[in-house]
PDB file of all heavy atoms in Angstrom:
ATOM      1  N   GLU A   1       8.998  19.276  22.731  1.00  0.00           N
ATOM      2  CA  GLU A   1       8.614  19.753  21.383  1.00  0.00           C
ATOM      3  C   GLU A   1       9.248  18.861  20.317  1.00  0.00           C
ATOM      4  O   GLU A   1      10.113  18.048  20.616  1.00  0.00           O
ATOM      5  CB  GLU A   1       9.047  21.202  21.222  1.00  0.00           C
ATOM      6  CG  GLU A   1       8.470  22.139  22.221  1.00  0.00           C
ATOM      7  CD  GLU A   1       8.886  23.579  21.987  1.00  0.00           C
ATOM      8  OE1 GLU A   1       9.440  23.902  20.917  1.00  0.00           O
ATOM      9  OE2 GLU A   1       8.671  24.456  22.873  1.00  0.00           O
ATOM     10  N   VAL A   2       8.833  19.067  19.091  1.00  0.00           N
ATOM     11  CA  VAL A   2       9.400  18.373  17.920  1.00  0.00           C
ATOM     12  C   VAL A   2      10.193  19.392  17.152  1.00  0.00           C
ATOM     13  O   VAL A   2       9.783  20.491  16.947  1.00  0.00           O
ATOM     14  CB  VAL A   2       8.281  17.758  17.071  1.00  0.00           C
ATOM     15  CG1 VAL A   2       8.908  17.132  15.836  1.00  0.00           C
ATOM     16  CG2 VAL A   2       7.530  16.656  17.860  1.00  0.00           C
ATOM     17  N   VAL A   3      11.402  18.957  16.723  1.00  0.00           N
ATOM     18  CA  VAL A   3      12.250  19.854  15.986  1.00  0.00           C
ATOM     19  C   VAL A   3      11.607  20.223  14.652  1.00  0.00           C
ATOM     20  O   VAL A   3      11.091  19.366  13.906  1.00  0.00           O
ATOM     21  CB  VAL A   3      13.678  19.235  15.792  1.00  0.00           C
ATOM     22  CG1 VAL A   3      14.457  20.003  14.801  1.00  0.00           C
ATOM     23  CG2 VAL A   3      14.380  19.080  17.082  1.00  0.00           C
ATOM     24  N   HIS A   4      11.672  21.486  14.315  1.00  0.00           N
ATOM     25  CA  HIS A   4      11.200  21.983  12.987  1.00  0.00           C
ATOM     26  C   HIS A   4      12.211  23.022  12.521  1.00  0.00           C
ATOM     27  O   HIS A   4      13.150  23.361  13.208  1.00  0.00           O
ATOM     28  CB  HIS A   4       9.785  22.498  13.063  1.00  0.00           C
ATOM     29  CG  HIS A   4       9.553  23.600  14.087  1.00  0.00           C
ATOM     30  ND1 HIS A   4       9.986  24.930  13.888  1.00  0.00           N
ATOM     31  CD2 HIS A   4       9.039  23.597  15.347  1.00  0.00           C
ATOM     32  CE1 HIS A   4       9.679  25.650  14.902  1.00  0.00           C
ATOM     33  NE2 HIS A   4       9.115  24.874  15.857  1.00  0.00           N
ATOM     34  N   GLU A   5      11.946  23.585  11.345  1.00  0.00           N
ATOM     35  CA  GLU A   5      12.925  24.455  10.696  1.00  0.00           C
ATOM     36  C   GLU A   5      13.273  25.695  11.519  1.00  0.00           C
ATOM     37  O   GLU A   5      14.394  26.196  11.441  1.00  0.00           O
ATOM     38  CB  GLU A   5      12.392  24.959   9.303  1.00  0.00           C
ATOM     39  CG  GLU A   5      12.300  23.782   8.311  1.00  0.00           C
ATOM     40  CD  GLU A   5      13.689  23.261   7.896  1.00  0.00           C
ATOM     41  OE1 GLU A   5      14.669  24.029   8.022  1.00  0.00           O
ATOM     42  OE2 GLU A   5      13.722  22.095   7.425  1.00  0.00           O
ATOM     43  N   ASN A   6      12.363  26.194  12.326  1.00  0.00           N
ATOM     44  CA  ASN A   6      12.648  27.386  13.102  1.00  0.00           C
ATOM     45  C   ASN A   6      12.944  27.119  14.611  1.00  0.00           C
ATOM     46  O   ASN A   6      12.964  28.066  15.383  1.00  0.00           O
ATOM     47  CB  ASN A   6      11.439  28.383  12.997  1.00  0.00           C
ATOM     48  CG  ASN A   6      11.148  28.794  11.511  1.00  0.00           C
ATOM     49  OD1 ASN A   6      12.100  29.058  10.791  1.00  0.00           O
ATOM     50  ND2 ASN A   6       9.895  28.809  11.149  1.00  0.00           N
ATOM     51  N   SER A   7      13.155  25.897  14.894  1.00  0.00           N
ATOM     52  CA  SER A   7      13.358  25.519  16.341  1.00  0.00           C
ATOM     53  C   SER A   7      14.504  26.261  17.017  1.00  0.00           C
ATOM     54  O   SER A   7      14.440  26.523  18.185  1.00  0.00           O
ATOM     55  CB  SER A   7      13.545  24.036  16.457  1.00  0.00           C
ATOM     56  OG  SER A   7      12.358  23.313  16.229  1.00  0.00           O
ATOM     57  N   PHE A   8      15.579  26.510  16.251  1.00  0.00           N
ATOM     58  CA  PHE A   8      16.801  26.996  16.904  1.00  0.00           C
ATOM     59  C   PHE A   8      17.047  28.492  16.699  1.00  0.00           C
ATOM     60  O   PHE A   8      18.093  29.010  17.032  1.00  0.00           O
ATOM     61  CB  PHE A   8      18.001  26.165  16.313  1.00  0.00           C
ATOM     62  CG  PHE A   8      17.787  24.731  16.488  1.00  0.00           C
ATOM     63  CD1 PHE A   8      17.568  23.925  15.319  1.00  0.00           C
ATOM     64  CD2 PHE A   8      17.816  24.091  17.706  1.00  0.00           C
ATOM     65  CE1 PHE A   8      17.375  22.558  15.434  1.00  0.00           C
ATOM     66  CE2 PHE A   8      17.633  22.713  17.812  1.00  0.00           C
ATOM     67  CZ  PHE A   8      17.378  21.987  16.690  1.00  0.00           C
ATOM     68  N   ASP A   9      16.024  29.194  16.177  1.00  0.00           N
ATOM     69  CA  ASP A   9      16.250  30.604  15.887  1.00  0.00           C
ATOM     70  C   ASP A   9      16.524  31.425  17.170  1.00  0.00           C
ATOM     71  O   ASP A   9      17.233  32.415  17.113  1.00  0.00           O
ATOM     72  CB  ASP A   9      14.999  31.177  15.247  1.00  0.00           C
ATOM     73  CG  ASP A   9      14.846  30.683  13.782  1.00  0.00           C
ATOM     74  OD1 ASP A   9      15.778  30.038  13.273  1.00  0.00           O
ATOM     75  OD2 ASP A   9      13.768  30.942  13.162  1.00  0.00           O
ATOM     76  N   ASP A  10      15.947  31.027  18.278  1.00  0.00           N
ATOM     77  CA  ASP A  10      16.139  31.789  19.547  1.00  0.00           C
ATOM     78  C   ASP A  10      17.009  31.058  20.562  1.00  0.00           C
ATOM     79  O   ASP A  10      16.978  31.401  21.764  1.00  0.00           O
ATOM     80  CB  ASP A  10      14.753  32.090  20.152  1.00  0.00           C
ATOM     81  CG  ASP A  10      13.932  32.957  19.199  1.00  0.00           C
ATOM     82  OD1 ASP A  10      14.489  33.888  18.603  1.00  0.00           O
ATOM     83  OD2 ASP A  10      12.724  32.744  19.134  1.00  0.00           O
ATOM     84  N   VAL A  11      17.749  30.063  20.061  1.00  0.00           N
ATOM     85  CA  VAL A  11      18.590  29.248  21.009  1.00  0.00           C
ATOM     86  C   VAL A  11      20.041  29.638  20.856  1.00  0.00           C
ATOM     87  O   VAL A  11      20.542  29.727  19.730  1.00  0.00           O
ATOM     88  CB  VAL A  11      18.330  27.734  20.762  1.00  0.00           C
ATOM     89  CG1 VAL A  11      19.122  26.912  21.717  1.00  0.00           C
ATOM     90  CG2 VAL A  11      16.812  27.431  20.862  1.00  0.00           C
ATOM     91  N   ASP A  12      20.736  29.733  21.970  1.00  0.00           N
ATOM     92  CA  ASP A  12      22.157  30.043  21.956  1.00  0.00           C
ATOM     93  C   ASP A  12      23.045  28.779  21.942  1.00  0.00           C
ATOM     94  O   ASP A  12      24.030  28.697  21.278  1.00  0.00           O
ATOM     95  CB  ASP A  12      22.533  30.915  23.196  1.00  0.00           C
ATOM     96  CG  ASP A  12      21.861  32.274  23.093  1.00  0.00           C
ATOM     97  OD1 ASP A  12      22.218  33.105  22.257  1.00  0.00           O
ATOM     98  OD2 ASP A  12      20.983  32.506  23.908  1.00  0.00           O
ATOM     99  N   ILE A  13      22.676  27.831  22.817  1.00  0.00           N
ATOM    100  CA  ILE A  13      23.438  26.587  22.947  1.00  0.00           C
ATOM    101  C   ILE A  13      22.505  25.392  22.935  1.00  0.00           C
ATOM    102  O   ILE A  13      21.498  25.441  23.689  1.00  0.00           O
ATOM    103  CB  ILE A  13      24.300  26.558  24.284  1.00  0.00           C
ATOM    104  CG1 ILE A  13      25.183  27.760  24.381  1.00  0.00           C
ATOM    105  CG2 ILE A  13      25.056  25.292  24.435  1.00  0.00           C
ATOM    106  CD1 ILE A  13      25.884  27.886  25.724  1.00  0.00           C
ATOM    107  N   VAL A  14      22.782  24.396  22.205  1.00  0.00           N
ATOM    108  CA  VAL A  14      21.913  23.262  22.101  1.00  0.00           C
ATOM    109  C   VAL A  14      22.745  21.970  22.162  1.00  0.00           C
ATOM    110  O   VAL A  14      23.838  21.852  21.509  1.00  0.00           O
ATOM    111  CB  VAL A  14      21.035  23.240  20.864  1.00  0.00           C
ATOM    112  CG1 VAL A  14      21.844  23.229  19.641  1.00  0.00           C
ATOM    113  CG2 VAL A  14      20.055  22.054  20.866  1.00  0.00           C
ATOM    114  N   LEU A  15      22.306  21.034  22.975  1.00  0.00           N
ATOM    115  CA  LEU A  15      22.981  19.715  23.109  1.00  0.00           C
ATOM    116  C   LEU A  15      22.213  18.698  22.289  1.00  0.00           C
ATOM    117  O   LEU A  15      20.976  18.557  22.483  1.00  0.00           O
ATOM    118  CB  LEU A  15      23.018  19.309  24.535  1.00  0.00           C
ATOM    119  CG  LEU A  15      23.607  20.316  25.562  1.00  0.00           C
ATOM    120  CD1 LEU A  15      23.543  19.708  26.979  1.00  0.00           C
ATOM    121  CD2 LEU A  15      24.930  20.784  25.207  1.00  0.00           C
ATOM    122  N   PHE A  16      22.917  18.034  21.397  1.00  0.00           N
ATOM    123  CA  PHE A  16      22.299  17.016  20.554  1.00  0.00           C
ATOM    124  C   PHE A  16      22.605  15.594  20.998  1.00  0.00           C
ATOM    125  O   PHE A  16      23.783  15.275  21.131  1.00  0.00           O
ATOM    126  CB  PHE A  16      22.839  17.183  19.087  1.00  0.00           C
ATOM    127  CG  PHE A  16      21.985  18.118  18.200  1.00  0.00           C
ATOM    128  CD1 PHE A  16      21.626  19.347  18.637  1.00  0.00           C
ATOM    129  CD2 PHE A  16      21.696  17.726  16.916  1.00  0.00           C
ATOM    130  CE1 PHE A  16      20.893  20.218  17.812  1.00  0.00           C
ATOM    131  CE2 PHE A  16      20.913  18.558  16.099  1.00  0.00           C
ATOM    132  CZ  PHE A  16      20.565  19.820  16.547  1.00  0.00           C
ATOM    133  N   SER A  17      21.622  14.796  21.159  1.00  0.00           N
ATOM    134  CA  SER A  17      21.816  13.381  21.404  1.00  0.00           C
ATOM    135  C   SER A  17      20.614  12.604  20.832  1.00  0.00           C
ATOM    136  O   SER A  17      19.799  12.063  21.557  1.00  0.00           O
ATOM    137  CB  SER A  17      21.925  13.072  22.895  1.00  0.00           C
ATOM    138  OG  SER A  17      22.197  11.717  23.096  1.00  0.00           O
ATOM    139  N   ALA A  18      20.532  12.633  19.489  1.00  0.00           N
ATOM    140  CA  ALA A  18      19.415  11.958  18.818  1.00  0.00           C
ATOM    141  C   ALA A  18      19.864  11.095  17.704  1.00  0.00           C
ATOM    142  O   ALA A  18      19.020  10.762  16.824  1.00  0.00           O
ATOM    143  CB  ALA A  18      18.404  13.026  18.351  1.00  0.00           C
ATOM    144  N   GLY A  19      21.141  10.707  17.678  1.00  0.00           N
ATOM    145  CA  GLY A  19      21.662   9.804  16.623  1.00  0.00           C
ATOM    146  C   GLY A  19      22.359  10.564  15.507  1.00  0.00           C
ATOM    147  O   GLY A  19      22.059  11.754  15.283  1.00  0.00           O
ATOM    148  N   GLY A  20      23.170   9.866  14.783  1.00  0.00           N
ATOM    149  CA  GLY A  20      23.998  10.456  13.726  1.00  0.00           C
ATOM    150  C   GLY A  20      23.171  10.995  12.617  1.00  0.00           C
ATOM    151  O   GLY A  20      23.483  12.074  12.052  1.00  0.00           O
ATOM    152  N   ASP A  21      22.175  10.283  12.162  1.00  0.00           N
ATOM    153  CA  ASP A  21      21.366  10.765  11.004  1.00  0.00           C
ATOM    154  C   ASP A  21      20.705  12.026  11.311  1.00  0.00           C
ATOM    155  O   ASP A  21      20.614  12.959  10.492  1.00  0.00           O
ATOM    156  CB  ASP A  21      20.333   9.694  10.601  1.00  0.00           C
ATOM    157  CG  ASP A  21      20.954   8.427   9.950  1.00  0.00           C
ATOM    158  OD1 ASP A  21      22.146   8.557   9.504  1.00  0.00           O
ATOM    159  OD2 ASP A  21      20.288   7.385   9.947  1.00  0.00           O
ATOM    160  N   PHE A  22      20.123  12.115  12.561  1.00  0.00           N
ATOM    161  CA  PHE A  22      19.482  13.387  12.940  1.00  0.00           C
ATOM    162  C   PHE A  22      20.489  14.532  13.004  1.00  0.00           C
ATOM    163  O   PHE A  22      20.243  15.608  12.513  1.00  0.00           O
ATOM    164  CB  PHE A  22      18.809  13.202  14.317  1.00  0.00           C
ATOM    165  CG  PHE A  22      18.002  14.382  14.736  1.00  0.00           C
ATOM    166  CD1 PHE A  22      16.630  14.406  14.466  1.00  0.00           C
ATOM    167  CD2 PHE A  22      18.592  15.430  15.406  1.00  0.00           C
ATOM    168  CE1 PHE A  22      15.937  15.518  14.819  1.00  0.00           C
ATOM    169  CE2 PHE A  22      17.858  16.561  15.778  1.00  0.00           C
ATOM    170  CZ  PHE A  22      16.490  16.615  15.497  1.00  0.00           C
ATOM    171  N   SER A  23      21.650  14.279  13.609  1.00  0.00           N
ATOM    172  CA  SER A  23      22.661  15.310  13.686  1.00  0.00           C
ATOM    173  C   SER A  23      23.126  15.750  12.331  1.00  0.00           C
ATOM    174  O   SER A  23      23.400  16.945  12.105  1.00  0.00           O
ATOM    175  CB  SER A  23      23.853  14.792  14.546  1.00  0.00           C
ATOM    176  OG  SER A  23      23.512  14.607  15.841  1.00  0.00           O
ATOM    177  N   LYS A  24      23.287  14.804  11.429  1.00  0.00           N
ATOM    178  CA  LYS A  24      23.765  15.167  10.119  1.00  0.00           C
ATOM    179  C   LYS A  24      22.811  16.132   9.429  1.00  0.00           C
ATOM    180  O   LYS A  24      23.301  17.100   8.746  1.00  0.00           O
ATOM    181  CB  LYS A  24      23.884  13.905   9.238  1.00  0.00           C
ATOM    182  CG  LYS A  24      24.419  14.135   7.818  1.00  0.00           C
ATOM    183  CD  LYS A  24      24.535  12.811   7.097  1.00  0.00           C
ATOM    184  CE  LYS A  24      25.114  13.014   5.698  1.00  0.00           C
ATOM    185  NZ  LYS A  24      25.301  11.724   4.996  1.00  0.00           N
ATOM    186  N   GLU A  25      21.507  15.996   9.649  1.00  0.00           N
ATOM    187  CA  GLU A  25      20.581  16.845   9.021  1.00  0.00           C
ATOM    188  C   GLU A  25      20.394  18.176   9.782  1.00  0.00           C
ATOM    189  O   GLU A  25      20.394  19.291   9.195  1.00  0.00           O
ATOM    190  CB  GLU A  25      19.244  16.205   8.929  1.00  0.00           C
ATOM    191  CG  GLU A  25      18.130  17.082   8.335  1.00  0.00           C
ATOM    192  CD  GLU A  25      16.708  16.460   8.254  1.00  0.00           C
ATOM    193  OE1 GLU A  25      16.665  15.270   8.575  1.00  0.00           O
ATOM    194  OE2 GLU A  25      15.809  17.138   7.796  1.00  0.00           O
ATOM    195  N   TRP A  26      20.320  18.097  11.105  1.00  0.00           N
ATOM    196  CA  TRP A  26      19.884  19.291  11.830  1.00  0.00           C
ATOM    197  C   TRP A  26      20.981  20.070  12.550  1.00  0.00           C
ATOM    198  O   TRP A  26      20.784  21.258  12.738  1.00  0.00           O
ATOM    199  CB  TRP A  26      18.869  18.829  12.910  1.00  0.00           C
ATOM    200  CG  TRP A  26      17.563  18.446  12.320  1.00  0.00           C
ATOM    201  CD1 TRP A  26      17.079  17.173  12.017  1.00  0.00           C
ATOM    202  CD2 TRP A  26      16.541  19.349  11.877  1.00  0.00           C
ATOM    203  NE1 TRP A  26      15.800  17.258  11.451  1.00  0.00           N
ATOM    204  CE2 TRP A  26      15.483  18.548  11.385  1.00  0.00           C
ATOM    205  CE3 TRP A  26      16.460  20.752  11.864  1.00  0.00           C
ATOM    206  CZ2 TRP A  26      14.299  19.147  10.844  1.00  0.00           C
ATOM    207  CZ3 TRP A  26      15.258  21.342  11.373  1.00  0.00           C
ATOM    208  CH2 TRP A  26      14.244  20.545  10.838  1.00  0.00           C
ATOM    209  N   ALA A  27      22.122  19.451  12.823  1.00  0.00           N
ATOM    210  CA  ALA A  27      23.159  20.236  13.463  1.00  0.00           C
ATOM    211  C   ALA A  27      23.649  21.421  12.602  1.00  0.00           C
ATOM    212  O   ALA A  27      23.835  22.509  13.077  1.00  0.00           O
ATOM    213  CB  ALA A  27      24.369  19.335  13.819  1.00  0.00           C
ATOM    214  N   PRO A  28      23.896  21.179  11.298  1.00  0.00           N
ATOM    215  CA  PRO A  28      24.294  22.325  10.460  1.00  0.00           C
ATOM    216  C   PRO A  28      23.210  23.424  10.376  1.00  0.00           C
ATOM    217  O   PRO A  28      23.515  24.609  10.295  1.00  0.00           O
ATOM    218  CB  PRO A  28      24.498  21.687   9.071  1.00  0.00           C
ATOM    219  CG  PRO A  28      24.860  20.264   9.366  1.00  0.00           C
ATOM    220  CD  PRO A  28      23.955  19.933  10.510  1.00  0.00           C
ATOM    221  N   LYS A  29      21.948  23.001  10.407  1.00  0.00           N
ATOM    222  CA  LYS A  29      20.849  23.976  10.348  1.00  0.00           C
ATOM    223  C   LYS A  29      20.829  24.755  11.688  1.00  0.00           C
ATOM    224  O   LYS A  29      20.616  25.997  11.632  1.00  0.00           O
ATOM    225  CB  LYS A  29      19.507  23.285  10.191  1.00  0.00           C
ATOM    226  CG  LYS A  29      19.317  22.630   8.809  1.00  0.00           C
ATOM    227  CD  LYS A  29      18.021  21.920   8.677  1.00  0.00           C
ATOM    228  CE  LYS A  29      17.829  21.273   7.351  1.00  0.00           C
ATOM    229  NZ  LYS A  29      16.532  20.584   7.179  1.00  0.00           N
ATOM    230  N   ALA A  30      21.081  24.087  12.792  1.00  0.00           N
ATOM    231  CA  ALA A  30      21.123  24.835  14.064  1.00  0.00           C
ATOM    232  C   ALA A  30      22.264  25.789  14.116  1.00  0.00           C
ATOM    233  O   ALA A  30      22.172  26.916  14.596  1.00  0.00           O
ATOM    234  CB  ALA A  30      21.160  23.842  15.223  1.00  0.00           C
ATOM    235  N   ALA A  31      23.428  25.371  13.602  1.00  0.00           N
ATOM    236  CA  ALA A  31      24.593  26.207  13.592  1.00  0.00           C
ATOM    237  C   ALA A  31      24.346  27.405  12.688  1.00  0.00           C
ATOM    238  O   ALA A  31      24.764  28.527  12.991  1.00  0.00           O
ATOM    239  CB  ALA A  31      25.856  25.367  13.145  1.00  0.00           C
ATOM    240  N   LYS A  32      23.732  27.141  11.537  1.00  0.00           N
ATOM    241  CA  LYS A  32      23.441  28.277  10.602  1.00  0.00           C
ATOM    242  C   LYS A  32      22.533  29.296  11.273  1.00  0.00           C
ATOM    243  O   LYS A  32      22.586  30.483  10.980  1.00  0.00           O
ATOM    244  CB  LYS A  32      22.835  27.701   9.338  1.00  0.00           C
ATOM    245  CG  LYS A  32      22.638  28.731   8.264  1.00  0.00           C
ATOM    246  CD  LYS A  32      22.102  28.152   6.933  1.00  0.00           C
ATOM    247  CE  LYS A  32      21.962  29.152   5.875  1.00  0.00           C
ATOM    248  NZ  LYS A  32      21.467  28.539   4.580  1.00  0.00           N
ATOM    249  N   ALA A  33      21.660  28.809  12.155  1.00  0.00           N
ATOM    250  CA  ALA A  33      20.714  29.678  12.823  1.00  0.00           C
ATOM    251  C   ALA A  33      21.369  30.441  13.976  1.00  0.00           C
ATOM    252  O   ALA A  33      20.777  31.281  14.585  1.00  0.00           O
ATOM    253  CB  ALA A  33      19.544  28.872  13.409  1.00  0.00           C
ATOM    254  N   GLY A  34      22.692  30.120  14.188  1.00  0.00           N
ATOM    255  CA  GLY A  34      23.417  30.850  15.189  1.00  0.00           C
ATOM    256  C   GLY A  34      23.657  30.164  16.517  1.00  0.00           C
ATOM    257  O   GLY A  34      24.161  30.732  17.461  1.00  0.00           O
TER     258      GLY A  34
END
């Protein structure tokens, strides 16, 4: 799948390996989603 704003709503643990720019944008959003 492609990451979108609601991707992490139902996820408990996610491993990120998509580069620093991607993590900078999306890791805080995933954490905010729980």
